[in-house]
N, C-alpha and C. Protein backbone atom coordinates (compact mmCIF):
# COMPACT_ATOMS: atom_id res chain seq x y z
N MET A 1 8.13 -3.32 -18.96
CA MET A 1 7.39 -3.65 -18.15
C MET A 1 8.54 -3.09 -16.27
N MET A 2 6.95 -2.70 -15.78
CA MET A 2 7.98 -2.14 -14.77
C MET A 2 7.90 -3.57 -13.39
N GLU A 3 8.62 -3.38 -12.07
CA GLU A 3 9.19 -3.84 -11.26
C GLU A 3 7.45 -5.02 -10.56
N ARG A 4 7.78 -5.97 -10.14
CA ARG A 4 6.59 -6.93 -9.77
C ARG A 4 7.00 -7.15 -8.44
N LEU A 5 6.14 -7.03 -7.55
CA LEU A 5 6.14 -6.67 -6.27
C LEU A 5 5.27 -7.92 -5.86
N PRO A 6 5.82 -9.15 -5.31
CA PRO A 6 5.36 -10.53 -5.68
C PRO A 6 4.14 -10.29 -4.30
N ARG A 7 4.67 -9.81 -2.87
CA ARG A 7 4.51 -9.84 -1.46
C ARG A 7 3.02 -9.58 -1.71
N ILE A 8 2.66 -8.25 -2.73
CA ILE A 8 1.30 -7.94 -2.37
C ILE A 8 0.64 -9.50 -2.82
N LYS A 9 0.34 -9.60 -3.93
CA LYS A 9 -0.02 -10.85 -4.41
C LYS A 9 -0.15 -11.49 -3.02
N LYS A 10 1.24 -12.05 -2.54
CA LYS A 10 0.86 -13.46 -1.19
C LYS A 10 0.74 -12.76 0.14
N LEU A 11 0.21 -11.25 0.44
CA LEU A 11 -0.23 -10.87 1.34
C LEU A 11 -1.76 -11.04 0.62
N ARG A 12 -2.68 -10.43 -0.30
CA ARG A 12 -3.33 -10.99 -0.57
C ARG A 12 -4.28 -12.23 -0.50
N MET A 13 -3.42 -13.26 -0.68
CA MET A 13 -3.93 -14.32 -0.67
C MET A 13 -4.07 -15.22 0.81
N GLU A 14 -2.58 -14.26 1.39
CA GLU A 14 -2.78 -15.17 2.79
C GLU A 14 -4.11 -14.34 3.52
N HIS A 15 -4.90 -13.04 2.88
CA HIS A 15 -5.70 -12.63 4.33
C HIS A 15 -6.93 -13.16 3.61
N SER A 16 -7.06 -14.28 2.08
CA SER A 16 -8.45 -14.72 2.04
C SER A 16 -9.05 -13.55 1.11
N LEU A 17 -8.30 -12.39 -0.10
CA LEU A 17 -9.03 -11.48 -0.47
C LEU A 17 -8.84 -11.68 -2.14
N THR A 18 -10.04 -11.19 -2.46
CA THR A 18 -10.11 -10.72 -4.11
C THR A 18 -9.30 -9.44 -4.04
N GLN A 19 -8.70 -9.18 -5.43
CA GLN A 19 -8.56 -7.98 -6.29
C GLN A 19 -9.13 -7.09 -6.08
N ASN A 20 -10.12 -7.05 -6.40
CA ASN A 20 -11.55 -6.78 -6.03
C ASN A 20 -11.55 -6.13 -4.59
N GLU A 21 -11.93 -7.01 -3.69
CA GLU A 21 -11.64 -6.63 -2.33
C GLU A 21 -10.75 -5.65 -1.62
N ILE A 22 -9.48 -6.16 -1.96
CA ILE A 22 -8.51 -5.09 -1.33
C ILE A 22 -8.38 -3.81 -2.34
N ALA A 23 -8.66 -3.74 -3.30
CA ALA A 23 -9.22 -2.53 -4.02
C ALA A 23 -9.74 -1.38 -3.42
N ASP A 24 -10.95 -2.31 -3.31
CA ASP A 24 -11.93 -1.19 -2.06
C ASP A 24 -11.59 -0.99 -0.78
N VAL A 25 -10.62 -1.34 -0.61
CA VAL A 25 -10.13 -1.52 0.71
C VAL A 25 -9.04 -0.22 0.93
N ILE A 26 -8.61 -0.47 -0.15
CA ILE A 26 -7.39 0.89 -0.45
C ILE A 26 -7.75 2.10 -1.13
N GLY A 27 -9.37 1.94 -1.71
CA GLY A 27 -9.17 3.23 -2.16
C GLY A 27 -9.07 2.97 -3.59
N ILE A 28 -8.77 1.67 -4.41
CA ILE A 28 -8.48 2.06 -6.05
C ILE A 28 -9.24 0.74 -6.61
N THR A 29 -9.42 1.36 -8.19
CA THR A 29 -10.21 -0.26 -9.06
C THR A 29 -9.47 -1.24 -8.71
N GLN A 30 -10.28 -2.48 -9.09
CA GLN A 30 -10.04 -3.93 -9.26
C GLN A 30 -8.62 -3.61 -10.17
N THR A 31 -8.78 -2.86 -11.65
CA THR A 31 -7.72 -2.99 -12.42
C THR A 31 -6.51 -2.41 -12.41
N GLY A 32 -6.62 -0.94 -10.97
CA GLY A 32 -5.64 -0.35 -10.81
C GLY A 32 -4.31 -1.25 -10.37
N TYR A 33 -5.26 -1.99 -9.46
CA TYR A 33 -4.73 -2.60 -8.55
C TYR A 33 -4.01 -4.07 -8.63
N SER A 34 -4.70 -4.36 -10.03
CA SER A 34 -4.29 -5.95 -10.81
C SER A 34 -2.63 -5.14 -11.40
N ARG A 35 -2.89 -4.16 -11.74
CA ARG A 35 -1.93 -3.56 -12.44
C ARG A 35 -0.33 -3.27 -11.43
N TYR A 36 -0.80 -3.39 -10.64
CA TYR A 36 0.30 -2.90 -9.24
C TYR A 36 0.94 -4.62 -9.08
N GLU A 37 -0.02 -5.48 -9.20
CA GLU A 37 0.06 -6.49 -8.89
C GLU A 37 1.10 -7.72 -9.54
N THR A 38 1.05 -7.08 -11.13
CA THR A 38 1.75 -7.86 -12.05
C THR A 38 2.51 -7.37 -12.38
N GLY A 39 2.36 -6.07 -12.26
CA GLY A 39 3.75 -5.07 -12.46
C GLY A 39 4.13 -4.07 -13.87
N LYS A 40 2.69 -3.92 -14.11
CA LYS A 40 2.63 -3.62 -15.54
C LYS A 40 2.35 -1.91 -15.10
N ASN A 41 2.52 -1.56 -13.49
CA ASN A 41 2.17 -0.16 -13.27
C ASN A 41 3.38 -0.21 -11.94
N ASN A 42 4.28 1.02 -11.72
CA ASN A 42 4.75 1.55 -10.61
C ASN A 42 3.97 1.62 -9.46
N LEU A 43 4.06 0.94 -8.01
CA LEU A 43 3.19 0.85 -7.18
C LEU A 43 3.68 2.66 -6.34
N PRO A 44 2.59 3.91 -6.44
CA PRO A 44 2.99 4.79 -5.76
C PRO A 44 2.65 4.64 -4.14
N ILE A 45 3.60 5.62 -3.33
CA ILE A 45 3.80 5.79 -2.28
C ILE A 45 2.77 5.70 -1.47
N THR A 46 1.61 6.12 -1.73
CA THR A 46 0.23 6.52 -1.24
C THR A 46 -0.48 5.38 -1.31
N VAL A 47 -0.29 4.70 -2.22
CA VAL A 47 -1.00 3.15 -2.30
C VAL A 47 0.16 2.10 -1.57
N LEU A 48 1.17 2.29 -1.71
CA LEU A 48 2.02 1.55 -0.64
C LEU A 48 1.38 1.72 0.76
N PHE A 49 1.52 3.26 0.98
CA PHE A 49 0.78 2.96 2.68
C PHE A 49 -0.04 2.81 2.96
N LYS A 50 -1.05 2.61 1.90
CA LYS A 50 -2.63 2.06 2.06
C LYS A 50 -2.54 0.83 2.19
N LEU A 51 -2.10 -0.41 1.60
CA LEU A 51 -1.80 -1.67 1.62
C LEU A 51 -1.05 -1.65 3.18
N CYS A 52 -0.08 -0.98 3.32
CA CYS A 52 0.99 -1.28 5.09
C CYS A 52 -0.45 -1.22 6.02
N ASP A 53 -1.23 -0.20 5.71
CA ASP A 53 -2.12 -0.33 6.57
C ASP A 53 -2.93 -1.21 6.77
N ALA A 54 -3.68 -1.60 5.46
CA ALA A 54 -4.67 -2.76 5.12
C ALA A 54 -3.96 -3.83 5.83
N PHE A 55 -2.61 -3.99 5.24
CA PHE A 55 -2.41 -5.57 5.79
C PHE A 55 -1.95 -5.27 7.41
N ASN A 56 -1.70 -4.11 7.93
CA ASN A 56 -0.89 -3.76 9.46
C ASN A 56 0.50 -4.25 8.91
N ILE A 57 1.54 -4.08 8.41
CA ILE A 57 2.93 -4.64 8.06
C ILE A 57 3.78 -3.69 7.25
N SER A 58 5.00 -3.70 7.35
CA SER A 58 6.15 -2.27 7.24
C SER A 58 6.21 -2.53 5.38
N SER A 59 6.66 -1.27 5.10
CA SER A 59 6.71 -1.13 3.87
C SER A 59 7.66 -2.41 3.80
N ASP A 60 8.94 -2.36 4.39
CA ASP A 60 9.83 -2.65 3.76
C ASP A 60 9.48 -4.27 3.89
N TYR A 61 8.55 -5.00 3.93
CA TYR A 61 7.91 -6.00 4.17
C TYR A 61 7.45 -6.59 2.56
N ILE A 62 6.76 -5.28 1.96
CA ILE A 62 6.03 -5.25 1.15
C ILE A 62 7.34 -5.25 -0.78
N LEU A 63 8.08 -3.83 0.22
CA LEU A 63 9.33 -3.87 -1.49
C LEU A 63 10.32 -4.59 -0.94
N GLU A 64 10.48 -5.50 0.06
CA GLU A 64 11.19 -7.03 0.12
C GLU A 64 12.89 -6.57 0.45
N LEU A 65 12.67 -5.52 1.38
CA LEU A 65 14.26 -5.10 1.56
C LEU A 65 14.08 -5.68 3.06
N SER A 66 13.03 -5.97 3.36
CA SER A 66 13.44 -6.80 4.86
C SER A 66 12.08 -8.09 5.09
N ASP A 67 12.63 -9.44 5.79
CA ASP A 67 11.24 -10.29 6.01
C ASP A 67 10.58 -10.13 6.75
N ASP A 68 10.95 -9.84 7.88
CA ASP A 68 9.96 -9.23 8.81
C ASP A 68 8.34 -8.09 8.24
N LYS A 69 8.07 -8.43 8.86
CA LYS A 69 6.52 -8.05 8.44
C LYS A 69 5.87 -6.60 9.42
N GLU A 70 6.85 -7.78 10.95
CA GLU A 70 5.85 -6.80 11.78
C GLU A 70 6.51 -4.72 11.59
N ILE A 71 5.66 -4.53 11.94
CA ILE A 71 6.08 -2.65 11.76
C ILE A 71 6.86 -2.48 13.14
N LEU A 72 8.06 -2.28 13.44
CA LEU A 72 8.82 -1.39 14.34
C LEU A 72 8.21 -0.36 14.69
N TRP A 73 7.15 0.34 15.55
CA TRP A 73 6.91 0.83 16.17
C TRP A 73 7.77 1.77 17.27
N GLU A 74 8.55 0.56 18.02
CA GLU A 74 9.15 1.31 19.34
C GLU A 74 9.97 1.36 18.50
N GLU A 75 10.73 1.30 17.34
CA GLU A 75 11.90 1.80 17.45
C GLU A 75 11.92 3.07 16.87
N CYS A 76 10.81 3.43 15.95
CA CYS A 76 10.32 5.07 15.41
C CYS A 76 10.02 5.56 16.57
N PHE A 77 9.36 4.89 17.53
CA PHE A 77 9.01 6.19 18.88
C PHE A 77 10.55 6.46 19.52
N GLU A 78 11.24 5.54 19.83
CA GLU A 78 12.50 5.45 20.58
C GLU A 78 13.36 6.85 19.44
N GLU A 79 13.59 6.35 18.19
CA GLU A 79 14.39 7.66 18.30
C GLU A 79 13.73 8.83 17.76
N GLU A 80 13.07 9.11 17.82
CA GLU A 80 11.92 10.67 17.55
C GLU A 80 12.25 11.12 18.90
N GLU A 81 11.58 9.94 20.52
CA GLU A 81 12.23 10.26 21.76
C GLU A 81 13.08 11.06 21.57
N LYS A 82 14.50 10.27 21.13
CA LYS A 82 15.83 10.90 21.42
C LYS A 82 16.07 11.79 20.72
N GLU A 83 15.47 12.47 19.51
CA GLU A 83 15.62 13.51 18.92
C GLU A 83 15.01 15.17 19.87
N VAL A 84 13.73 14.50 20.32
CA VAL A 84 12.65 15.40 21.13
C VAL A 84 14.00 15.64 22.51
N ASN A 85 14.40 14.55 22.71
CA ASN A 85 14.98 15.26 24.38
C ASN A 85 16.24 15.84 23.88
N ALA A 86 16.74 15.47 22.78
CA ALA A 86 18.09 16.04 22.59
C ALA A 86 17.95 17.75 22.11
N GLU A 87 16.81 17.86 21.62
CA GLU A 87 16.08 19.03 21.37
C GLU A 87 16.08 20.49 22.50
N GLU A 88 15.30 19.37 23.79
CA GLU A 88 14.88 19.96 24.45
C GLU A 88 16.09 20.32 26.08
N GLN A 89 16.91 19.20 25.65
CA GLN A 89 18.35 19.73 26.59
C GLN A 89 18.90 21.04 26.05
N GLU A 90 18.85 20.97 24.52
CA GLU A 90 19.49 22.57 23.94
C GLU A 90 18.86 23.60 24.08
N GLN A 91 17.83 23.61 24.09
CA GLN A 91 16.70 24.70 24.75
C GLN A 91 17.20 25.23 26.19
N LYS A 92 17.49 24.16 26.72
CA LYS A 92 17.55 24.53 27.92
C LYS A 92 18.69 24.57 28.49
N SER A 93 20.06 23.94 27.79
CA SER A 93 21.29 25.37 27.69
C SER A 93 21.32 26.83 27.67
N GLU A 94 20.77 26.63 26.38
CA GLU A 94 20.74 27.85 25.99
C GLU A 94 19.52 29.12 26.55
N ALA A 95 18.55 28.06 27.38
CA ALA A 95 18.01 29.22 28.35
C ALA A 95 18.82 29.39 30.11
N GLU A 96 19.99 28.85 30.03
CA GLU A 96 20.76 28.26 31.26
C GLU A 96 21.53 29.80 31.48
N VAL A 97 22.00 29.63 29.76
CA VAL A 97 23.33 30.66 29.36
C VAL A 97 22.70 32.19 29.35
N LEU A 98 21.42 32.33 28.60
CA LEU A 98 20.93 33.50 29.00
C LEU A 98 20.73 34.27 30.19
N VAL A 99 20.23 33.25 30.89
CA VAL A 99 19.52 33.53 32.90
C VAL A 99 21.10 33.99 33.25
N VAL A 100 21.81 33.45 32.86
CA VAL A 100 23.65 33.68 33.58
C VAL A 100 24.30 34.99 32.85
N GLN A 101 23.19 35.66 32.16
CA GLN A 101 24.15 36.88 31.37
C GLN A 101 23.68 37.85 31.94
């Protein structure tokens, strides 16, 4: 038996959805969804992302890596912004070196 993910059932129930309704939302069959909910099949990352979008929650919550349902977009963007700024600074420094030569 595969690993059960009890939070996907909990989320479905909290949103008062049937297995068929959430399966329709994420574009799979009810049988396929049921197999993920009961742990008979592993949850593919594509389905995990669709569930995250459907429930507007983080994958960490579904995978029980965090108890925080909230997607921390600010943190994602802050890290990306730091990387972009560092890259721009490096390019600027390289351009200044070329101008000096």
